[in-house]
C-alpha atoms as a PDB file:
ATOM      1  CA  UNK A   1      56.523 -33.621 -87.903  1.00  0.00           C
ATOM      2  CA  UNK A   2      55.095 -35.840 -85.162  1.00  0.00           C
ATOM      3  CA  UNK A   3      51.549 -35.568 -83.819  1.00  0.00           C
ATOM      4  CA  UNK A   4      50.458 -36.939 -80.459  1.00  0.00           C
ATOM      5  CA  UNK A   5      46.823 -37.407 -79.508  1.00  0.00           C
ATOM      6  CA  UNK A   6      46.261 -37.879 -75.788  1.00  0.00           C
ATOM      7  CA  UNK A   7      42.940 -39.096 -74.385  1.00  0.00           C
ATOM      8  CA  UNK A   8      42.226 -39.417 -70.694  1.00  0.00           C
ATOM      9  CA  UNK A   9      39.915 -42.353 -69.990  1.00  0.00           C
ATOM     10  CA  UNK A  10      36.208 -41.590 -69.720  1.00  0.00           C
ATOM     11  CA  UNK A  11      34.321 -41.399 -66.409  1.00  0.00           C
ATOM     12  CA  UNK A  12      34.606 -44.658 -64.497  1.00  0.00           C
ATOM     13  CA  UNK A  13      32.320 -46.283 -61.999  1.00  0.00           C
ATOM     14  CA  UNK A  14      33.161 -46.723 -58.336  1.00  0.00           C
ATOM     15  CA  UNK A  15      30.121 -48.870 -57.532  1.00  0.00           C
ATOM     16  CA  UNK A  16      31.769 -52.185 -58.413  1.00  0.00           C
ATOM     17  CA  UNK A  17      33.830 -54.065 -55.856  1.00  0.00           C
ATOM     18  CA  UNK A  18      36.924 -54.406 -58.044  1.00  0.00           C
ATOM     19  CA  UNK A  19      40.546 -53.318 -57.860  1.00  0.00           C
ATOM     20  CA  UNK A  20      41.331 -49.904 -59.407  1.00  0.00           C
ATOM     21  CA  UNK A  21      42.807 -51.491 -62.545  1.00  0.00           C
ATOM     22  CA  UNK A  22      39.495 -53.260 -63.282  1.00  0.00           C
ATOM     23  CA  UNK A  23      37.068 -50.360 -62.769  1.00  0.00           C
ATOM     24  CA  UNK A  24      34.646 -50.112 -65.729  1.00  0.00           C
ATOM     25  CA  UNK A  25      33.156 -47.041 -67.364  1.00  0.00           C
ATOM     26  CA  UNK A  26      29.910 -45.689 -65.969  1.00  0.00           C
ATOM     27  CA  UNK A  27      27.003 -44.661 -68.187  1.00  0.00           C
ATOM     28  CA  UNK A  28      28.186 -41.062 -68.473  1.00  0.00           C
ATOM     29  CA  UNK A  29      31.645 -42.287 -69.447  1.00  0.00           C
ATOM     30  CA  UNK A  30      30.247 -44.387 -72.278  1.00  0.00           C
ATOM     31  CA  UNK A  31      28.113 -41.477 -73.531  1.00  0.00           C
ATOM     32  CA  UNK A  32      31.093 -39.080 -73.364  1.00  0.00           C
ATOM     33  CA  UNK A  33      33.313 -41.586 -75.185  1.00  0.00           C
ATOM     34  CA  UNK A  34      30.814 -41.761 -78.060  1.00  0.00           C
ATOM     35  CA  UNK A  35      30.440 -37.975 -78.133  1.00  0.00           C
ATOM     36  CA  UNK A  36      34.159 -37.139 -78.034  1.00  0.00           C
ATOM     37  CA  UNK A  37      35.351 -39.956 -80.322  1.00  0.00           C
ATOM     38  CA  UNK A  38      32.851 -38.878 -82.999  1.00  0.00           C
ATOM     39  CA  UNK A  39      33.857 -35.213 -82.674  1.00  0.00           C
ATOM     40  CA  UNK A  40      37.549 -36.111 -82.853  1.00  0.00           C
ATOM     41  CA  UNK A  41      37.184 -38.399 -85.884  1.00  0.00           C
ATOM     42  CA  UNK A  42      35.437 -35.575 -87.748  1.00  0.00           C
ATOM     43  CA  UNK A  43      38.110 -33.023 -86.852  1.00  0.00           C
ATOM     44  CA  UNK A  44      41.492 -34.716 -87.151  1.00  0.00           C
ATOM     45  CA  UNK A  45      43.316 -37.279 -89.248  1.00  0.00           C
ATOM     46  CA  UNK A  46      43.154 -40.869 -87.991  1.00  0.00           C
ATOM     47  CA  UNK A  47      46.122 -41.946 -85.883  1.00  0.00           C
ATOM     48  CA  UNK A  48      48.385 -44.563 -87.392  1.00  0.00           C
ATOM     49  CA  UNK A  49      48.415 -46.365 -84.056  1.00  0.00           C
ATOM     50  CA  UNK A  50      46.433 -46.291 -80.809  1.00  0.00           C
ATOM     51  CA  UNK A  51      48.167 -47.388 -77.609  1.00  0.00           C
ATOM     52  CA  UNK A  52      46.091 -47.693 -74.436  1.00  0.00           C
ATOM     53  CA  UNK A  53      46.665 -48.400 -70.796  1.00  0.00           C
ATOM     54  CA  UNK A  54      45.477 -51.933 -70.074  1.00  0.00           C
ATOM     55  CA  UNK A  55      43.222 -50.722 -67.251  1.00  0.00           C
ATOM     56  CA  UNK A  56      39.583 -51.550 -68.049  1.00  0.00           C
ATOM     57  CA  UNK A  57      38.367 -47.934 -68.089  1.00  0.00           C
ATOM     58  CA  UNK A  58      41.168 -46.787 -70.426  1.00  0.00           C
ATOM     59  CA  UNK A  59      40.904 -49.780 -72.747  1.00  0.00           C
ATOM     60  CA  UNK A  60      37.123 -49.338 -73.000  1.00  0.00           C
ATOM     61  CA  UNK A  61      37.610 -45.652 -73.838  1.00  0.00           C
ATOM     62  CA  UNK A  62      40.289 -46.465 -76.420  1.00  0.00           C
ATOM     63  CA  UNK A  63      37.942 -48.954 -78.071  1.00  0.00           C
ATOM     64  CA  UNK A  64      35.415 -46.174 -78.775  1.00  0.00           C
ATOM     65  CA  UNK A  65      38.155 -44.211 -80.581  1.00  0.00           C
ATOM     66  CA  UNK A  66      39.352 -47.347 -82.390  1.00  0.00           C
ATOM     67  CA  UNK A  67      35.845 -47.932 -83.720  1.00  0.00           C
ATOM     68  CA  UNK A  68      35.260 -44.259 -84.605  1.00  0.00           C
ATOM     69  CA  UNK A  69      38.494 -44.117 -86.626  1.00  0.00           C
ATOM     70  CA  UNK A  70      38.164 -47.647 -88.042  1.00  0.00           C
ATOM     71  CA  UNK A  71      41.611 -48.480 -86.686  1.00  0.00           C
ATOM     72  CA  UNK A  72      42.648 -52.041 -87.585  1.00  0.00           C
ATOM     73  CA  UNK A  73      43.431 -54.458 -84.742  1.00  0.00           C
ATOM     74  CA  UNK A  74      47.072 -54.564 -85.882  1.00  0.00           C
ATOM     75  CA  UNK A  75      47.382 -50.833 -85.103  1.00  0.00           C
ATOM     76  CA  UNK A  76      45.753 -51.019 -81.668  1.00  0.00           C
ATOM     77  CA  UNK A  77      47.501 -52.310 -78.585  1.00  0.00           C
ATOM     78  CA  UNK A  78      47.846 -51.933 -74.845  1.00  0.00           C
ATOM     79  CA  UNK A  79      50.846 -51.048 -72.765  1.00  0.00           C
ATOM     80  CA  UNK A  80      50.717 -51.575 -69.007  1.00  0.00           C
ATOM     81  CA  UNK A  81      53.207 -48.722 -68.553  1.00  0.00           C
ATOM     82  CA  UNK A  82      50.433 -46.261 -69.502  1.00  0.00           C
ATOM     83  CA  UNK A  83      48.765 -47.254 -66.210  1.00  0.00           C
ATOM     84  CA  UNK A  84      50.820 -44.381 -64.850  1.00  0.00           C
ATOM     85  CA  UNK A  85      49.810 -41.478 -62.676  1.00  0.00           C
ATOM     86  CA  UNK A  86      53.062 -39.470 -62.463  1.00  0.00           C
ATOM     87  CA  UNK A  87      53.844 -39.085 -66.160  1.00  0.00           C
ATOM     88  CA  UNK A  88      57.328 -40.603 -66.184  1.00  0.00           C
ATOM     89  CA  UNK A  89      56.223 -43.828 -67.883  1.00  0.00           C
ATOM     90  CA  UNK A  90      54.034 -41.878 -70.324  1.00  0.00           C
ATOM     91  CA  UNK A  91      57.053 -39.780 -71.361  1.00  0.00           C
ATOM     92  CA  UNK A  92      59.166 -42.929 -71.792  1.00  0.00           C
ATOM     93  CA  UNK A  93      56.500 -44.432 -74.062  1.00  0.00           C
ATOM     94  CA  UNK A  94      56.173 -41.268 -76.175  1.00  0.00           C
ATOM     95  CA  UNK A  95      59.944 -40.955 -76.584  1.00  0.00           C
ATOM     96  CA  UNK A  96      60.258 -44.614 -77.601  1.00  0.00           C
ATOM     97  CA  UNK A  97      57.507 -44.647 -80.250  1.00  0.00           C
ATOM     98  CA  UNK A  98      58.484 -46.046 -83.646  1.00  0.00           C
ATOM     99  CA  UNK A  99      59.756 -43.217 -85.848  1.00  0.00           C
ATOM    100  CA  UNK A 100      57.887 -44.625 -88.841  1.00  0.00           C
ATOM    101  CA  UNK A 101      54.704 -43.430 -87.076  1.00  0.00           C
ATOM    102  CA  UNK A 102      53.903 -39.747 -87.497  1.00  0.00           C
ATOM    103  CA  UNK A 103      50.564 -39.685 -85.652  1.00  0.00           C
ATOM    104  CA  UNK A 104      49.856 -41.728 -82.514  1.00  0.00           C
ATOM    105  CA  UNK A 105      47.037 -41.721 -79.969  1.00  0.00           C
ATOM    106  CA  UNK A 106      47.702 -42.735 -76.372  1.00  0.00           C
ATOM    107  CA  UNK A 107      44.927 -43.369 -73.840  1.00  0.00           C
ATOM    108  CA  UNK A 108      45.615 -43.243 -70.122  1.00  0.00           C
ATOM    109  CA  UNK A 109      45.154 -41.565 -66.774  1.00  0.00           C
ATOM    110  CA  UNK A 110      45.482 -38.400 -64.738  1.00  0.00           C
ATOM    111  CA  UNK A 111      47.512 -36.839 -63.157  1.00  0.00           C
ATOM    112  CA  UNK A 112      49.982 -38.115 -65.707  1.00  0.00           C
ATOM    113  CA  UNK A 113      48.092 -36.895 -68.778  1.00  0.00           C
ATOM    114  CA  UNK A 114      47.552 -33.354 -67.505  1.00  0.00           C
ATOM    115  CA  UNK A 115      51.221 -33.169 -66.473  1.00  0.00           C
ATOM    116  CA  UNK A 116      52.488 -34.487 -69.799  1.00  0.00           C
ATOM    117  CA  UNK A 117      50.098 -32.278 -71.820  1.00  0.00           C
ATOM    118  CA  UNK A 118      51.446 -29.252 -69.958  1.00  0.00           C
ATOM    119  CA  UNK A 119      55.052 -30.394 -70.228  1.00  0.00           C
ATOM    120  CA  UNK A 120      54.866 -31.073 -73.966  1.00  0.00           C
ATOM    121  CA  UNK A 121      52.303 -28.524 -75.118  1.00  0.00           C
ATOM    122  CA  UNK A 122      52.482 -24.741 -75.273  1.00  0.00           C
ATOM    123  CA  UNK A 123      49.046 -24.116 -73.754  1.00  0.00           C
ATOM    124  CA  UNK A 124      48.401 -24.561 -70.031  1.00  0.00           C
ATOM    125  CA  UNK A 125      45.579 -26.965 -69.249  1.00  0.00           C
ATOM    126  CA  UNK A 126      44.375 -26.840 -65.654  1.00  0.00           C
ATOM    127  CA  UNK A 127      42.994 -30.370 -65.838  1.00  0.00           C
ATOM    128  CA  UNK A 128      42.446 -32.781 -68.712  1.00  0.00           C
ATOM    129  CA  UNK A 129      38.938 -33.977 -67.809  1.00  0.00           C
ATOM    130  CA  UNK A 130      37.685 -37.529 -68.194  1.00  0.00           C
ATOM    131  CA  UNK A 131      37.440 -38.337 -71.904  1.00  0.00           C
ATOM    132  CA  UNK A 132      39.393 -35.168 -72.688  1.00  0.00           C
ATOM    133  CA  UNK A 133      41.341 -35.093 -75.980  1.00  0.00           C
ATOM    134  CA  UNK A 134      44.553 -33.115 -76.482  1.00  0.00           C
ATOM    135  CA  UNK A 135      46.444 -32.819 -79.786  1.00  0.00           C
ATOM    136  CA  UNK A 136      50.099 -31.737 -79.729  1.00  0.00           C
ATOM    137  CA  UNK A 137      52.371 -31.381 -82.764  1.00  0.00           C
ATOM    138  CA  UNK A 138      56.156 -31.432 -82.726  1.00  0.00           C
ATOM    139  CA  UNK A 139      58.574 -30.140 -85.370  1.00  0.00           C
ATOM    140  CA  UNK A 140      60.857 -33.185 -85.072  1.00  0.00           C
ATOM    141  CA  UNK A 141      61.566 -36.312 -87.106  1.00  0.00           C
ATOM    142  CA  UNK A 142      62.146 -38.652 -84.169  1.00  0.00           C
ATOM    143  CA  UNK A 143      59.944 -39.252 -81.151  1.00  0.00           C
ATOM    144  CA  UNK A 144      63.035 -39.348 -78.946  1.00  0.00           C
ATOM    145  CA  UNK A 145      63.574 -35.638 -79.785  1.00  0.00           C
ATOM    146  CA  UNK A 146      60.121 -34.565 -78.568  1.00  0.00           C
ATOM    147  CA  UNK A 147      60.266 -31.635 -76.170  1.00  0.00           C
ATOM    148  CA  UNK A 148      57.871 -28.689 -76.310  1.00  0.00           C
ATOM    149  CA  UNK A 149      55.405 -28.761 -79.154  1.00  0.00           C
ATOM    150  CA  UNK A 150      52.290 -26.851 -80.106  1.00  0.00           C
ATOM    151  CA  UNK A 151      48.967 -27.630 -78.458  1.00  0.00           C
ATOM    152  CA  UNK A 152      46.846 -27.584 -81.599  1.00  0.00           C
ATOM    153  CA  UNK A 153      43.477 -28.673 -80.280  1.00  0.00           C
ATOM    154  CA  UNK A 154      41.586 -29.784 -77.202  1.00  0.00           C
ATOM    155  CA  UNK A 155      38.165 -31.375 -77.185  1.00  0.00           C
ATOM    156  CA  UNK A 156      36.528 -31.898 -73.821  1.00  0.00           C
ATOM    157  CA  UNK A 157      33.075 -33.421 -73.224  1.00  0.00           C
ATOM    158  CA  UNK A 158      31.766 -30.152 -71.737  1.00  0.00           C
ATOM    159  CA  UNK A 159      32.619 -28.369 -75.014  1.00  0.00           C
ATOM    160  CA  UNK A 160      30.223 -30.680 -76.884  1.00  0.00           C
ATOM    161  CA  UNK A 161      27.191 -30.551 -74.600  1.00  0.00           C
END
């Protein structure tokens, strides 16, 4: 069995004069990242690996989950291809994950994450909100065989407030 954790980056700030890729989290995003990462760590097994988009807002969000789970640096990395908004690159990354990993967390962006969560899961999600967590399990041995799995859990900031 393979388990995929998907986390959309937390709320980012638009008040800085930076390119989209460099936008930081805003205060609410940081608070939501603490809230959701702590709820997730208490409810699921730690991922064997966390892979994040290299965009500032996604990487900052991923770091909160890394710290909550105590994920070692060796099991935490970025992949520019997760800076994706259509979902095609996200699917390519999921399908090319190392088969020795049974549980992986990816951190990225919408609309890609909502699209992929709906494509891979069996529960329709209208919108994965900022800092939203989605857990999908697949009855396969290889990531390349991932198609439709079971949406096991969602944790959204609004559910915790």
